[in-house]
Protein backbone atom coordinates (compact mmCIF):
# COMPACT_ATOMS: atom_id res chain seq x y z
CA MET A 1 -93.38 -65.35 -51.43
CA PRO A 2 -96.66 -66.06 -52.18
CA LEU A 3 -98.33 -68.83 -49.96
CA LEU A 4 -100.64 -71.45 -51.46
CA ARG A 5 -103.77 -72.94 -49.71
CA THR A 6 -105.98 -75.64 -50.96
CA VAL A 7 -109.53 -75.80 -50.88
CA PRO A 8 -111.49 -79.22 -51.59
CA THR A 9 -114.36 -79.03 -54.00
CA ALA A 10 -117.66 -81.19 -54.20
CA THR A 11 -116.45 -82.78 -57.36
CA ASN A 12 -113.63 -84.78 -55.75
CA THR A 13 -110.97 -82.36 -57.16
CA VAL A 14 -108.84 -79.46 -55.19
CA VAL A 15 -108.45 -76.02 -55.89
CA VAL A 16 -104.73 -74.92 -55.15
CA VAL A 17 -104.97 -71.21 -54.67
CA GLY A 18 -102.22 -68.81 -54.44
CA SER A 19 -102.34 -64.57 -54.27
CA VAL A 20 -102.00 -62.33 -57.36
CA PRO A 21 -99.62 -61.61 -58.82
CA LEU A 22 -97.45 -64.77 -59.43
CA SER A 23 -95.57 -63.73 -62.59
CA GLY A 24 -92.64 -65.93 -63.20
CA PHE A 25 -93.91 -68.53 -60.28
CA LYS A 26 -94.42 -72.22 -61.43
CA LEU A 27 -96.48 -74.57 -59.62
CA GLN A 28 -94.68 -77.87 -59.09
CA PHE A 29 -95.59 -81.22 -57.62
CA ASN A 30 -93.66 -83.96 -56.26
CA THR A 31 -94.86 -87.71 -54.55
CA ASP A 32 -91.96 -87.45 -52.18
CA LEU A 33 -91.00 -84.28 -50.04
CA SER A 34 -87.21 -85.78 -49.42
CA ALA A 35 -86.67 -86.08 -53.26
CA THR A 36 -85.26 -83.37 -55.67
CA ASN A 37 -87.08 -84.36 -58.73
CA TRP A 38 -90.00 -81.72 -58.61
CA THR A 39 -92.06 -81.52 -61.81
CA ASP A 40 -94.01 -78.63 -63.30
CA SER A 41 -97.80 -79.28 -62.95
CA GLY A 42 -98.75 -78.18 -66.32
CA GLN A 43 -102.25 -77.02 -65.42
CA VAL A 44 -103.45 -73.61 -66.61
CA ARG A 45 -103.88 -71.29 -63.81
CA THR A 46 -106.95 -68.61 -64.03
CA VAL A 47 -107.44 -65.63 -62.00
CA VAL A 48 -110.83 -65.89 -60.00
CA GLY A 49 -111.84 -63.21 -57.55
CA GLY A 50 -108.08 -61.65 -57.38
CA GLU A 51 -106.42 -65.07 -56.78
CA ASN A 52 -104.77 -67.48 -59.07
CA GLN A 53 -106.48 -70.98 -58.89
CA VAL A 54 -105.44 -74.41 -60.45
CA ILE A 55 -107.72 -77.12 -60.22
CA VAL A 56 -106.16 -80.53 -59.27
CA ALA A 57 -107.83 -84.05 -59.91
CA PRO A 58 -106.84 -86.75 -57.75
CA ALA A 59 -103.88 -88.97 -59.15
CA GLY A 60 -104.13 -91.85 -56.95
CA GLU A 61 -100.73 -91.16 -55.00
CA ASN A 62 -99.70 -88.25 -52.39
CA ARG A 63 -98.88 -85.10 -53.94
CA PHE A 64 -97.00 -82.15 -52.45
CA TYR A 65 -96.95 -78.86 -54.11
CA ARG A 66 -94.77 -75.75 -53.91
CA LEU A 67 -94.07 -72.48 -56.07
CA ARG A 68 -90.85 -72.22 -57.86
CA TRP A 69 -89.08 -69.07 -58.83
CA PRO A 70 -86.72 -69.64 -61.72
């Protein structure tokens, strides 16, 4: 299972980074870790320096992220 890490940026966003390849995995988020209604992030991932990256803008609420295998 690939691991995720987050990197804050100077533009008030966060980059969610995962190892390559992530074929078949979906990045999902939820505002409550105890809930079961995870949502696909819908953001496009790009490969930069051999890593998958997704830029996440602040949403005004806490968000937790996970990778999900179908």
